[in-house]
Amino acid sequence: MYRYEQPSLFSGKRGAALVAVLLLHVLIVWGFYSGLASQLVQKIIPPVEIAQIDKPKEVDKPPPPPPKLEEIKPYVPPPEFVDIQAAPPETTAISVVTQEKTPPPPAPVAAPVQHVIIGAKMDPKHPFKIGEEYYPDASKRAGEEGRCIVLAHVAANGNILEAQIQTSSGFPRLDEACLKGVKGQKALPGMEDGKPVEGQFAFAIVWKLTGK
């Protein structure tokens, strides 16, 4: 028959650990009383040395520079210009103000109507026929030659109403022959806006002898 017994506190690993803890406490207590602890503390933590530090000598600082003196200019206000107008002269006359009506604006001026005007001229299809029969015999015998310019006045129907010498040939007989040659001729009348009107034009007649 087996009998159960309770194990001792100092048996096994548990007992060994307990014995080690007790021995450690004994050593600590012995070291405290024997002064070993104070020596260990001095070796681990060295004593603090206190040295007296001399107070630094005061260095003589240079004196501050004198303050700059700024020249203060006196304030001069700008001159004031006062426009002094002379008072109107006193008069005893009584002025009468009348209100005039504004004149109406001028009526618009109508733009001038432009007409298309074409002057009279010789008909190129029916030129003047002034042949040798108009050459005066006296002028032929005298050997008179020349050039005259005639200004012809043409009616609206194309008939030449009158003619006049504008530039003489230098011989009266030849000038007279020019006017006779123009009489009874026809020309193109002047035109205004497409309608025939009276007009005038100038042309030259040359008198020249042949067979000299």
N, C-alpha and C. Protein backbone atom coordinates (compact mmCIF):
# COMPACT_ATOMS: atom_id res chain seq x y z
N MET A 1 0.86 -1.18 0.00
CA MET A 1 0.00 0.00 0.00
C MET A 1 0.90 1.24 0.00
N TYR A 2 0.54 2.16 -0.91
CA TYR A 2 1.38 3.38 -1.03
C TYR A 2 0.82 4.46 -0.15
N ARG A 3 1.80 5.36 0.27
CA ARG A 3 1.43 6.45 1.18
C ARG A 3 1.91 7.78 0.58
N TYR A 4 1.02 8.72 0.48
CA TYR A 4 1.36 10.02 -0.12
C TYR A 4 1.92 10.93 0.94
N GLU A 5 3.12 11.57 0.58
CA GLU A 5 3.77 12.52 1.49
C GLU A 5 3.95 13.83 0.76
N GLN A 6 3.72 14.90 1.42
CA GLN A 6 3.86 16.24 0.82
C GLN A 6 5.33 16.57 0.66
N PRO A 7 5.76 17.03 -0.55
CA PRO A 7 7.19 17.30 -0.79
C PRO A 7 7.63 18.48 0.04
N SER A 8 8.96 18.52 0.39
CA SER A 8 9.55 19.58 1.20
C SER A 8 9.78 20.82 0.35
N LEU A 9 9.83 22.01 0.98
CA LEU A 9 10.05 23.26 0.26
C LEU A 9 11.42 23.34 -0.34
N PHE A 10 12.38 22.65 0.22
CA PHE A 10 13.77 22.72 -0.24
C PHE A 10 14.14 21.57 -1.14
N SER A 11 13.15 20.86 -1.65
CA SER A 11 13.43 19.73 -2.53
C SER A 11 13.24 20.18 -3.98
N GLY A 12 14.00 19.62 -4.86
CA GLY A 12 13.84 19.90 -6.29
C GLY A 12 14.35 21.27 -6.72
N LYS A 13 13.98 21.69 -7.91
CA LYS A 13 14.42 22.98 -8.49
C LYS A 13 13.84 24.13 -7.72
N ARG A 14 12.67 23.95 -7.24
CA ARG A 14 12.03 25.03 -6.48
C ARG A 14 12.80 25.30 -5.21
N GLY A 15 13.26 24.28 -4.56
CA GLY A 15 14.00 24.45 -3.34
C GLY A 15 15.34 25.10 -3.60
N ALA A 16 16.01 24.73 -4.72
CA ALA A 16 17.30 25.34 -5.05
C ALA A 16 17.15 26.82 -5.30
N ALA A 17 16.09 27.23 -5.96
CA ALA A 17 15.86 28.65 -6.24
C ALA A 17 15.61 29.41 -4.96
N LEU A 18 14.89 28.82 -4.07
CA LEU A 18 14.60 29.47 -2.81
C LEU A 18 15.85 29.67 -2.00
N VAL A 19 16.76 28.65 -1.99
CA VAL A 19 18.02 28.75 -1.25
C VAL A 19 18.88 29.85 -1.83
N ALA A 20 18.90 30.00 -3.19
CA ALA A 20 19.72 31.04 -3.84
C ALA A 20 19.22 32.41 -3.48
N VAL A 21 17.93 32.62 -3.41
CA VAL A 21 17.36 33.92 -3.05
C VAL A 21 17.74 34.28 -1.63
N LEU A 22 17.69 33.32 -0.73
CA LEU A 22 18.03 33.59 0.67
C LEU A 22 19.48 33.98 0.81
N LEU A 23 20.38 33.27 0.10
CA LEU A 23 21.81 33.59 0.16
C LEU A 23 22.07 35.00 -0.37
N LEU A 24 21.37 35.40 -1.43
CA LEU A 24 21.56 36.73 -2.01
C LEU A 24 21.18 37.81 -1.01
N HIS A 25 20.09 37.61 -0.30
CA HIS A 25 19.68 38.59 0.70
C HIS A 25 20.69 38.69 1.83
N VAL A 26 21.26 37.54 2.20
CA VAL A 26 22.26 37.55 3.29
C VAL A 26 23.47 38.33 2.87
N LEU A 27 23.93 38.15 1.65
CA LEU A 27 25.11 38.86 1.15
C LEU A 27 24.86 40.37 1.11
N ILE A 28 23.66 40.80 0.66
CA ILE A 28 23.35 42.23 0.59
C ILE A 28 23.38 42.86 1.97
N VAL A 29 22.79 42.16 2.94
CA VAL A 29 22.76 42.70 4.30
C VAL A 29 24.16 42.79 4.86
N TRP A 30 25.00 41.78 4.60
CA TRP A 30 26.38 41.79 5.11
C TRP A 30 27.19 42.90 4.47
N GLY A 31 27.00 43.14 3.15
CA GLY A 31 27.76 44.20 2.49
C GLY A 31 27.35 45.56 2.97
N PHE A 32 26.11 45.78 3.28
CA PHE A 32 25.64 47.08 3.76
C PHE A 32 26.30 47.43 5.07
N TYR A 33 26.39 46.42 5.97
CA TYR A 33 26.97 46.68 7.28
C TYR A 33 28.49 46.76 7.21
N SER A 34 29.13 46.12 6.30
CA SER A 34 30.59 46.11 6.23
C SER A 34 31.14 47.28 5.41
N GLY A 35 30.33 48.18 4.77
CA GLY A 35 30.82 49.33 4.00
C GLY A 35 31.14 49.00 2.56
N LEU A 36 30.93 47.75 2.17
CA LEU A 36 31.19 47.38 0.78
C LEU A 36 30.25 48.10 -0.18
N ALA A 37 29.05 48.36 0.25
CA ALA A 37 28.07 49.03 -0.64
C ALA A 37 28.49 50.46 -0.97
N SER A 38 29.06 51.17 0.06
CA SER A 38 29.46 52.56 -0.21
C SER A 38 30.62 52.63 -1.17
N GLN A 39 31.56 51.61 -1.04
CA GLN A 39 32.69 51.59 -1.98
C GLN A 39 32.21 51.35 -3.42
N LEU A 40 31.27 50.43 -3.55
CA LEU A 40 30.74 50.17 -4.90
C LEU A 40 30.07 51.41 -5.48
N VAL A 41 29.32 52.13 -4.62
CA VAL A 41 28.65 53.33 -5.12
C VAL A 41 29.65 54.37 -5.56
N GLN A 42 30.78 54.54 -4.79
CA GLN A 42 31.80 55.52 -5.17
C GLN A 42 32.49 55.15 -6.46
N LYS A 43 32.68 53.85 -6.69
CA LYS A 43 33.31 53.45 -7.95
C LYS A 43 32.36 53.62 -9.15
N ILE A 44 31.12 53.29 -8.90
CA ILE A 44 30.17 53.42 -10.02
C ILE A 44 29.86 54.88 -10.30
N ILE A 45 29.60 55.68 -9.28
CA ILE A 45 29.28 57.10 -9.44
C ILE A 45 30.40 57.89 -8.82
N PRO A 46 31.30 58.48 -9.60
CA PRO A 46 32.41 59.24 -9.05
C PRO A 46 31.90 60.46 -8.33
N PRO A 47 32.67 60.94 -7.37
CA PRO A 47 32.25 62.14 -6.64
C PRO A 47 32.26 63.37 -7.52
N VAL A 48 31.37 64.27 -7.25
CA VAL A 48 31.23 65.51 -8.01
C VAL A 48 32.20 66.53 -7.44
N GLU A 49 33.10 67.06 -8.33
CA GLU A 49 34.05 68.08 -7.92
C GLU A 49 33.47 69.45 -8.18
N ILE A 50 33.53 70.32 -7.25
CA ILE A 50 32.99 71.68 -7.35
C ILE A 50 34.18 72.62 -7.43
N ALA A 51 34.31 73.36 -8.52
CA ALA A 51 35.40 74.32 -8.71
C ALA A 51 34.80 75.70 -8.79
N GLN A 52 35.50 76.67 -8.24
CA GLN A 52 35.05 78.05 -8.25
C GLN A 52 35.47 78.71 -9.56
N ILE A 53 34.55 79.29 -10.26
CA ILE A 53 34.82 79.96 -11.54
C ILE A 53 34.94 81.44 -11.26
N ASP A 54 36.08 81.98 -11.74
CA ASP A 54 36.30 83.41 -11.53
C ASP A 54 35.33 84.23 -12.37
N LYS A 55 34.86 85.30 -11.85
CA LYS A 55 33.95 86.21 -12.56
C LYS A 55 34.72 86.93 -13.66
N PRO A 56 34.22 86.90 -14.90
CA PRO A 56 34.96 87.57 -15.99
C PRO A 56 35.07 89.07 -15.74
N LYS A 57 36.26 89.51 -16.12
CA LYS A 57 36.50 90.93 -15.96
C LYS A 57 35.65 91.73 -16.95
N GLU A 58 35.19 92.85 -16.49
CA GLU A 58 34.37 93.72 -17.34
C GLU A 58 35.27 94.44 -18.34
N VAL A 59 34.92 94.30 -19.59
CA VAL A 59 35.69 94.97 -20.65
C VAL A 59 35.11 96.36 -20.85
N ASP A 60 36.01 97.29 -20.87
CA ASP A 60 35.56 98.67 -21.06
C ASP A 60 35.05 98.85 -22.48
N LYS A 61 33.80 99.14 -22.62
CA LYS A 61 33.19 99.37 -23.92
C LYS A 61 33.39 100.82 -24.32
N PRO A 62 33.65 101.04 -25.65
CA PRO A 62 33.81 102.44 -26.08
C PRO A 62 32.50 103.19 -25.92
N PRO A 63 32.60 104.45 -25.66
CA PRO A 63 31.37 105.24 -25.49
C PRO A 63 30.59 105.28 -26.80
N PRO A 64 29.28 105.31 -26.74
CA PRO A 64 28.47 105.36 -27.98
C PRO A 64 28.71 106.67 -28.73
N PRO A 65 28.64 106.60 -30.07
CA PRO A 65 28.85 107.83 -30.84
C PRO A 65 27.75 108.84 -30.56
N PRO A 66 28.14 110.10 -30.69
CA PRO A 66 27.12 111.14 -30.44
C PRO A 66 26.02 111.06 -31.49
N PRO A 67 24.83 111.37 -31.13
CA PRO A 67 23.72 111.32 -32.10
C PRO A 67 23.92 112.36 -33.20
N LYS A 68 23.47 111.95 -34.42
CA LYS A 68 23.57 112.85 -35.56
C LYS A 68 22.49 113.92 -35.45
N LEU A 69 22.94 115.12 -35.70
CA LEU A 69 22.00 116.23 -35.65
C LEU A 69 21.54 116.54 -37.07
N GLU A 70 20.28 116.40 -37.34
CA GLU A 70 19.72 116.70 -38.65
C GLU A 70 19.22 118.14 -38.67
N GLU A 71 19.57 118.77 -39.79
CA GLU A 71 19.16 120.17 -39.93
C GLU A 71 17.67 120.22 -40.27
N ILE A 72 16.93 120.85 -39.48
CA ILE A 72 15.48 120.98 -39.68
C ILE A 72 15.22 122.29 -40.41
N LYS A 73 14.69 122.14 -41.65
CA LYS A 73 14.38 123.33 -42.45
C LYS A 73 13.03 123.88 -42.03
N PRO A 74 12.96 125.18 -41.89
CA PRO A 74 11.64 125.77 -41.51
C PRO A 74 10.64 125.59 -42.64
N TYR A 75 9.42 125.30 -42.34
CA TYR A 75 8.34 125.11 -43.32
C TYR A 75 7.85 126.46 -43.81
N VAL A 76 7.96 126.64 -45.10
CA VAL A 76 7.50 127.89 -45.72
C VAL A 76 6.28 127.55 -46.55
N PRO A 77 5.12 127.99 -46.20
CA PRO A 77 3.91 127.67 -46.99
C PRO A 77 3.99 128.32 -48.36
N PRO A 78 3.46 127.63 -49.41
CA PRO A 78 3.47 128.23 -50.76
C PRO A 78 2.59 129.46 -50.81
N PRO A 79 2.97 130.39 -51.66
CA PRO A 79 2.14 131.64 -51.75
C PRO A 79 0.77 131.33 -52.32
N GLU A 80 -0.17 131.95 -51.82
CA GLU A 80 -1.55 131.78 -52.28
C GLU A 80 -1.88 132.89 -53.28
N PHE A 81 -2.41 132.44 -54.43
CA PHE A 81 -2.77 133.40 -55.47
C PHE A 81 -4.28 133.66 -55.37
N VAL A 82 -4.59 134.85 -55.19
CA VAL A 82 -5.99 135.24 -55.05
C VAL A 82 -6.36 136.06 -56.28
N ASP A 83 -7.32 135.54 -57.02
CA ASP A 83 -7.78 136.25 -58.22
C ASP A 83 -8.75 137.35 -57.80
N ILE A 84 -8.24 138.53 -57.85
CA ILE A 84 -9.05 139.67 -57.44
C ILE A 84 -9.58 140.33 -58.70
N GLN A 85 -10.83 140.27 -58.90
CA GLN A 85 -11.46 140.88 -60.06
C GLN A 85 -12.06 142.22 -59.67
N ALA A 86 -11.88 143.11 -60.58
CA ALA A 86 -12.41 144.44 -60.30
C ALA A 86 -13.93 144.41 -60.32
N ALA A 87 -14.50 145.09 -59.40
CA ALA A 87 -15.95 145.13 -59.33
C ALA A 87 -16.49 145.88 -60.53
N PRO A 88 -17.60 145.43 -61.09
CA PRO A 88 -18.16 146.13 -62.25
C PRO A 88 -18.53 147.55 -61.89
N PRO A 89 -18.28 148.45 -62.81
CA PRO A 89 -18.61 149.86 -62.50
C PRO A 89 -20.10 150.04 -62.30
N GLU A 90 -20.39 150.86 -61.36
CA GLU A 90 -21.79 151.13 -61.07
C GLU A 90 -22.39 151.98 -62.18
N THR A 91 -23.56 151.64 -62.55
CA THR A 91 -24.24 152.39 -63.59
C THR A 91 -25.70 152.55 -63.20
N THR A 92 -26.25 153.60 -63.70
CA THR A 92 -27.66 153.87 -63.40
C THR A 92 -28.57 153.41 -64.51
N ALA A 93 -27.95 152.80 -65.58
CA ALA A 93 -28.79 152.36 -66.70
C ALA A 93 -29.54 151.10 -66.30
N ILE A 94 -30.72 150.95 -66.83
CA ILE A 94 -31.56 149.78 -66.56
C ILE A 94 -31.44 148.84 -67.74
N SER A 95 -30.98 147.62 -67.46
CA SER A 95 -30.80 146.66 -68.54
C SER A 95 -32.09 145.87 -68.72
N VAL A 96 -32.45 145.69 -69.95
CA VAL A 96 -33.65 144.96 -70.29
C VAL A 96 -33.23 143.70 -71.03
N VAL A 97 -33.65 142.56 -70.53
CA VAL A 97 -33.31 141.28 -71.14
C VAL A 97 -34.52 140.79 -71.90
N THR A 98 -34.33 140.58 -73.15
CA THR A 98 -35.43 140.07 -73.98
C THR A 98 -35.05 138.70 -74.49
N GLN A 99 -35.99 137.84 -74.54
CA GLN A 99 -35.77 136.48 -75.01
C GLN A 99 -36.22 136.41 -76.47
N GLU A 100 -35.26 136.11 -77.31
CA GLU A 100 -35.56 136.01 -78.72
C GLU A 100 -35.86 134.56 -79.08
N LYS A 101 -36.77 134.41 -79.96
CA LYS A 101 -37.12 133.07 -80.42
C LYS A 101 -36.04 132.54 -81.34
N THR A 102 -35.75 131.28 -81.16
CA THR A 102 -34.75 130.65 -82.01
C THR A 102 -35.29 130.53 -83.42
N PRO A 103 -34.55 131.03 -84.40
CA PRO A 103 -35.06 130.96 -85.77
C PRO A 103 -35.15 129.50 -86.22
N PRO A 104 -36.13 129.19 -87.02
CA PRO A 104 -36.27 127.81 -87.49
C PRO A 104 -35.07 127.42 -88.35
N PRO A 105 -34.74 126.16 -88.34
CA PRO A 105 -33.60 125.73 -89.16
C PRO A 105 -33.90 125.95 -90.63
N PRO A 106 -32.86 126.27 -91.39
CA PRO A 106 -33.10 126.52 -92.82
C PRO A 106 -33.59 125.27 -93.51
N ALA A 107 -34.40 125.48 -94.50
CA ALA A 107 -34.95 124.36 -95.25
C ALA A 107 -33.82 123.65 -95.99
N PRO A 108 -33.88 122.34 -96.05
CA PRO A 108 -32.82 121.62 -96.75
C PRO A 108 -32.76 122.02 -98.21
N VAL A 109 -31.53 122.22 -98.67
CA VAL A 109 -31.33 122.61 -100.06
C VAL A 109 -31.32 121.36 -100.92
N ALA A 110 -32.17 121.37 -101.87
CA ALA A 110 -32.24 120.20 -102.76
C ALA A 110 -31.00 120.15 -103.62
N ALA A 111 -30.51 118.95 -103.79
CA ALA A 111 -29.32 118.77 -104.62
C ALA A 111 -29.66 119.13 -106.06
N PRO A 112 -28.76 119.86 -106.71
CA PRO A 112 -29.04 120.25 -108.10
C PRO A 112 -29.17 119.01 -108.99
N VAL A 113 -30.16 119.11 -109.86
CA VAL A 113 -30.38 117.99 -110.79
C VAL A 113 -29.34 118.07 -111.89
N GLN A 114 -28.64 117.02 -112.11
CA GLN A 114 -27.61 116.99 -113.14
C GLN A 114 -28.22 116.49 -114.44
N HIS A 115 -28.00 117.29 -115.46
CA HIS A 115 -28.51 116.95 -116.78
C HIS A 115 -27.36 116.45 -117.65
N VAL A 116 -27.69 115.52 -118.52
CA VAL A 116 -26.71 115.01 -119.47
C VAL A 116 -26.85 115.82 -120.75
N ILE A 117 -25.81 116.63 -121.02
CA ILE A 117 -25.85 117.54 -122.17
C ILE A 117 -24.74 117.15 -123.14
N ILE A 118 -25.10 117.03 -124.42
CA ILE A 118 -24.14 116.75 -125.49
C ILE A 118 -24.22 117.90 -126.48
N GLY A 119 -23.08 118.51 -126.81
CA GLY A 119 -23.06 119.65 -127.71
C GLY A 119 -23.34 119.26 -129.17
N ALA A 120 -23.70 120.28 -129.93
CA ALA A 120 -23.94 120.06 -131.37
C ALA A 120 -22.61 119.74 -132.06
N LYS A 121 -22.67 119.05 -133.18
CA LYS A 121 -21.47 118.69 -133.93
C LYS A 121 -21.84 118.39 -135.38
N MET A 122 -20.80 118.28 -136.19
CA MET A 122 -21.00 117.98 -137.61
C MET A 122 -21.39 116.51 -137.74
N ASP A 123 -22.31 116.23 -138.64
CA ASP A 123 -22.75 114.86 -138.86
C ASP A 123 -21.68 114.14 -139.69
N PRO A 124 -21.02 113.14 -139.12
CA PRO A 124 -19.96 112.46 -139.90
C PRO A 124 -20.51 111.75 -141.13
N LYS A 125 -21.80 111.38 -141.11
CA LYS A 125 -22.38 110.71 -142.28
C LYS A 125 -22.73 111.72 -143.38
N HIS A 126 -22.93 112.95 -142.99
CA HIS A 126 -23.28 114.00 -143.98
C HIS A 126 -22.42 115.22 -143.71
N PRO A 127 -21.14 115.18 -144.06
CA PRO A 127 -20.27 116.34 -143.82
C PRO A 127 -20.65 117.51 -144.73
N PHE A 128 -20.15 118.70 -144.33
CA PHE A 128 -20.43 119.90 -145.13
C PHE A 128 -19.81 119.76 -146.52
N LYS A 129 -20.55 120.23 -147.51
CA LYS A 129 -20.07 120.20 -148.90
C LYS A 129 -19.76 121.64 -149.33
N ILE A 130 -18.50 122.01 -149.19
CA ILE A 130 -18.05 123.35 -149.61
C ILE A 130 -16.95 123.10 -150.65
N GLY A 131 -17.37 123.11 -151.90
CA GLY A 131 -16.43 122.78 -152.98
C GLY A 131 -15.76 124.01 -153.57
N GLU A 132 -15.10 123.75 -154.71
CA GLU A 132 -14.34 124.81 -155.37
C GLU A 132 -15.23 125.94 -155.88
N GLU A 133 -16.52 125.61 -156.08
CA GLU A 133 -17.42 126.64 -156.58
C GLU A 133 -17.59 127.79 -155.60
N TYR A 134 -17.25 127.57 -154.32
CA TYR A 134 -17.37 128.63 -153.31
C TYR A 134 -16.10 129.51 -153.26
N TYR A 135 -15.03 129.06 -153.96
CA TYR A 135 -13.77 129.82 -153.94
C TYR A 135 -13.96 131.06 -154.81
N PRO A 136 -13.83 132.24 -154.23
CA PRO A 136 -14.06 133.46 -155.04
C PRO A 136 -13.03 133.55 -156.19
N ASP A 137 -13.51 134.00 -157.40
CA ASP A 137 -12.62 134.14 -158.55
C ASP A 137 -11.55 135.20 -158.32
N ALA A 138 -11.95 136.29 -157.67
CA ALA A 138 -10.98 137.35 -157.38
C ALA A 138 -9.86 136.83 -156.49
N SER A 139 -10.23 135.95 -155.51
CA SER A 139 -9.22 135.39 -154.62
C SER A 139 -8.30 134.44 -155.40
N LYS A 140 -8.86 133.72 -156.37
CA LYS A 140 -8.03 132.84 -157.16
C LYS A 140 -7.02 133.66 -157.97
N ARG A 141 -7.48 134.74 -158.63
CA ARG A 141 -6.60 135.55 -159.44
C ARG A 141 -5.53 136.22 -158.57
N ALA A 142 -5.93 136.59 -157.34
CA ALA A 142 -4.98 137.26 -156.44
C ALA A 142 -4.09 136.26 -155.68
N GLY A 143 -4.41 134.99 -155.82
CA GLY A 143 -3.63 133.96 -155.12
C GLY A 143 -3.83 133.96 -153.62
N GLU A 144 -5.06 134.29 -153.18
CA GLU A 144 -5.35 134.33 -151.73
C GLU A 144 -5.64 132.92 -151.20
N GLU A 145 -4.95 132.55 -150.14
CA GLU A 145 -5.16 131.27 -149.45
C GLU A 145 -5.22 131.54 -147.94
N GLY A 146 -5.93 130.68 -147.24
CA GLY A 146 -6.00 130.86 -145.80
C GLY A 146 -6.90 129.85 -145.10
N ARG A 147 -7.00 130.03 -143.82
CA ARG A 147 -7.80 129.11 -142.96
C ARG A 147 -8.61 129.97 -142.02
N CYS A 148 -9.91 129.71 -142.02
CA CYS A 148 -10.79 130.44 -141.10
C CYS A 148 -11.55 129.45 -140.22
N ILE A 149 -11.93 129.92 -139.02
CA ILE A 149 -12.71 129.10 -138.09
C ILE A 149 -14.07 129.74 -137.95
N VAL A 150 -15.10 128.91 -138.18
CA VAL A 150 -16.48 129.38 -138.18
C VAL A 150 -17.21 128.80 -136.97
N LEU A 151 -18.00 129.63 -136.28
CA LEU A 151 -18.84 129.19 -135.17
C LEU A 151 -20.28 129.12 -135.69
N ALA A 152 -20.83 127.90 -135.71
CA ALA A 152 -22.18 127.70 -136.26
C ALA A 152 -23.17 127.46 -135.14
N HIS A 153 -24.34 128.10 -135.25
CA HIS A 153 -25.43 127.91 -134.29
C HIS A 153 -26.47 127.00 -134.93
N VAL A 154 -26.74 125.83 -134.25
CA VAL A 154 -27.58 124.78 -134.83
C VAL A 154 -28.90 124.72 -134.09
N ALA A 155 -30.01 124.65 -134.84
CA ALA A 155 -31.34 124.53 -134.24
C ALA A 155 -31.58 123.11 -133.78
N ALA A 156 -32.71 122.90 -133.06
CA ALA A 156 -33.03 121.57 -132.54
C ALA A 156 -33.30 120.58 -133.67
N ASN A 157 -33.72 121.08 -134.85
CA ASN A 157 -33.99 120.18 -135.97
C ASN A 157 -32.76 119.92 -136.84
N GLY A 158 -31.60 120.53 -136.47
CA GLY A 158 -30.36 120.30 -137.19
C GLY A 158 -30.00 121.38 -138.18
N ASN A 159 -30.89 122.30 -138.47
CA ASN A 159 -30.59 123.39 -139.40
C ASN A 159 -29.64 124.39 -138.75
N ILE A 160 -28.72 124.94 -139.57
CA ILE A 160 -27.81 125.97 -139.07
C ILE A 160 -28.53 127.30 -139.16
N LEU A 161 -28.79 127.89 -138.01
CA LEU A 161 -29.53 129.15 -137.97
C LEU A 161 -28.64 130.31 -138.40
N GLU A 162 -27.44 130.36 -137.92
CA GLU A 162 -26.52 131.45 -138.27
C GLU A 162 -25.08 130.97 -138.07
N ALA A 163 -24.16 131.72 -138.62
CA ALA A 163 -22.74 131.40 -138.49
C ALA A 163 -21.96 132.70 -138.41
N GLN A 164 -20.83 132.66 -137.75
CA GLN A 164 -19.99 133.84 -137.61
C GLN A 164 -18.52 133.43 -137.63
N ILE A 165 -17.67 134.35 -138.09
CA ILE A 165 -16.23 134.07 -138.17
C ILE A 165 -15.63 134.20 -136.78
N GLN A 166 -15.04 133.13 -136.28
CA GLN A 166 -14.37 133.16 -134.97
C GLN A 166 -12.90 133.52 -135.16
N THR A 167 -12.28 132.99 -136.18
CA THR A 167 -10.88 133.32 -136.49
C THR A 167 -10.80 133.60 -138.00
N SER A 168 -10.32 134.77 -138.37
CA SER A 168 -10.30 135.18 -139.78
C SER A 168 -9.15 134.50 -140.54
N SER A 169 -9.37 134.34 -141.82
CA SER A 169 -8.34 133.77 -142.69
C SER A 169 -7.31 134.81 -143.12
N GLY A 170 -7.64 136.05 -142.87
CA GLY A 170 -6.75 137.14 -143.28
C GLY A 170 -7.22 137.83 -144.54
N PHE A 171 -8.26 137.27 -145.19
CA PHE A 171 -8.77 137.86 -146.42
C PHE A 171 -10.29 137.96 -146.29
N PRO A 172 -10.85 139.15 -146.43
CA PRO A 172 -12.30 139.31 -146.27
C PRO A 172 -13.10 138.49 -147.28
N ARG A 173 -12.61 138.38 -148.50
CA ARG A 173 -13.38 137.61 -149.48
C ARG A 173 -13.46 136.15 -149.09
N LEU A 174 -12.37 135.60 -148.56
CA LEU A 174 -12.41 134.18 -148.12
C LEU A 174 -13.31 134.01 -146.90
N ASP A 175 -13.31 135.00 -145.99
CA ASP A 175 -14.19 134.92 -144.82
C ASP A 175 -15.65 134.94 -145.26
N GLU A 176 -15.97 135.78 -146.21
CA GLU A 176 -17.33 135.85 -146.70
C GLU A 176 -17.72 134.56 -147.40
N ALA A 177 -16.80 133.93 -148.08
CA ALA A 177 -17.07 132.66 -148.75
C ALA A 177 -17.33 131.56 -147.71
N CYS A 178 -16.68 131.63 -146.56
CA CYS A 178 -16.92 130.63 -145.48
C CYS A 178 -18.37 130.71 -145.03
N LEU A 179 -18.88 131.92 -144.80
CA LEU A 179 -20.25 132.08 -144.30
C LEU A 179 -21.26 131.62 -145.35
N LYS A 180 -20.97 131.91 -146.65
CA LYS A 180 -21.88 131.47 -147.70
C LYS A 180 -21.89 129.95 -147.81
N GLY A 181 -20.72 129.32 -147.62
CA GLY A 181 -20.65 127.85 -147.73
C GLY A 181 -21.39 127.15 -146.61
N VAL A 182 -21.46 127.76 -145.43
CA VAL A 182 -22.12 127.13 -144.27
C VAL A 182 -23.63 127.28 -144.38
N LYS A 183 -24.08 128.34 -145.02
CA LYS A 183 -25.52 128.61 -145.09
C LYS A 183 -26.23 127.47 -145.80
N GLY A 184 -27.33 126.98 -145.19
CA GLY A 184 -28.13 125.91 -145.76
C GLY A 184 -27.64 124.50 -145.43
N GLN A 185 -26.53 124.39 -144.74
CA GLN A 185 -26.02 123.06 -144.36
C GLN A 185 -26.82 122.53 -143.14
N LYS A 186 -26.66 121.24 -142.87
CA LYS A 186 -27.32 120.62 -141.71
C LYS A 186 -26.24 119.94 -140.83
N ALA A 187 -26.53 119.85 -139.50
CA ALA A 187 -25.60 119.24 -138.52
C ALA A 187 -26.41 118.50 -137.46
N LEU A 188 -25.71 117.86 -136.57
CA LEU A 188 -26.38 117.16 -135.46
C LEU A 188 -26.63 118.16 -134.33
N PRO A 189 -27.88 118.30 -133.88
CA PRO A 189 -28.16 119.27 -132.81
C PRO A 189 -27.60 118.77 -131.46
N GLY A 190 -27.64 119.67 -130.49
CA GLY A 190 -27.24 119.29 -129.14
C GLY A 190 -28.30 118.40 -128.49
N MET A 191 -27.92 117.65 -127.47
CA MET A 191 -28.84 116.74 -126.78
C MET A 191 -28.78 117.02 -125.27
N GLU A 192 -29.96 117.07 -124.65
CA GLU A 192 -30.06 117.24 -123.19
C GLU A 192 -31.03 116.20 -122.65
N ASP A 193 -30.50 115.30 -121.84
CA ASP A 193 -31.28 114.20 -121.29
C ASP A 193 -31.98 113.40 -122.40
N GLY A 194 -31.27 113.23 -123.53
CA GLY A 194 -31.80 112.43 -124.62
C GLY A 194 -32.72 113.18 -125.57
N LYS A 195 -32.92 114.48 -125.35
CA LYS A 195 -33.82 115.26 -126.21
C LYS A 195 -32.98 116.27 -126.99
N PRO A 196 -33.29 116.49 -128.32
CA PRO A 196 -32.54 117.46 -129.12
C PRO A 196 -32.83 118.88 -128.67
N VAL A 197 -31.78 119.69 -128.56
CA VAL A 197 -31.88 121.10 -128.17
C VAL A 197 -30.94 121.90 -129.07
N GLU A 198 -31.10 123.21 -129.01
CA GLU A 198 -30.19 124.07 -129.78
C GLU A 198 -28.78 124.00 -129.21
N GLY A 199 -27.81 124.15 -130.11
CA GLY A 199 -26.41 124.13 -129.69
C GLY A 199 -25.53 124.79 -130.73
N GLN A 200 -24.25 124.82 -130.44
CA GLN A 200 -23.31 125.43 -131.38
C GLN A 200 -21.99 124.69 -131.34
N PHE A 201 -21.24 124.79 -132.41
CA PHE A 201 -19.93 124.17 -132.47
C PHE A 201 -19.08 124.95 -133.47
N ALA A 202 -17.78 124.82 -133.35
CA ALA A 202 -16.84 125.53 -134.24
C ALA A 202 -16.13 124.51 -135.12
N PHE A 203 -15.81 124.93 -136.35
CA PHE A 203 -15.09 124.06 -137.28
C PHE A 203 -14.24 124.96 -138.19
N ALA A 204 -13.27 124.36 -138.87
CA ALA A 204 -12.32 125.11 -139.71
C ALA A 204 -12.58 124.83 -141.19
N ILE A 205 -12.35 125.86 -142.01
CA ILE A 205 -12.42 125.74 -143.47
C ILE A 205 -11.09 126.25 -144.04
N VAL A 206 -10.45 125.43 -144.84
CA VAL A 206 -9.14 125.77 -145.41
C VAL A 206 -9.31 126.06 -146.91
N TRP A 207 -8.81 127.21 -147.30
CA TRP A 207 -8.83 127.63 -148.71
C TRP A 207 -7.40 127.49 -149.25
N LYS A 208 -7.28 126.64 -150.32
CA LYS A 208 -5.97 126.38 -150.89
C LYS A 208 -6.10 126.22 -152.41
N LEU A 209 -5.29 126.96 -153.14
CA LEU A 209 -5.31 126.90 -154.59
C LEU A 209 -4.58 125.66 -155.08
N THR A 210 -5.09 125.04 -156.11
CA THR A 210 -4.47 123.85 -156.69
C THR A 210 -3.97 124.17 -158.10
N GLY A 211 -3.05 123.38 -158.61
CA GLY A 211 -2.52 123.54 -159.97
C GLY A 211 -1.57 124.69 -160.10
N LYS A 212 -0.84 125.03 -158.97
CA LYS A 212 0.15 126.12 -159.09
C LYS A 212 1.40 125.61 -159.82
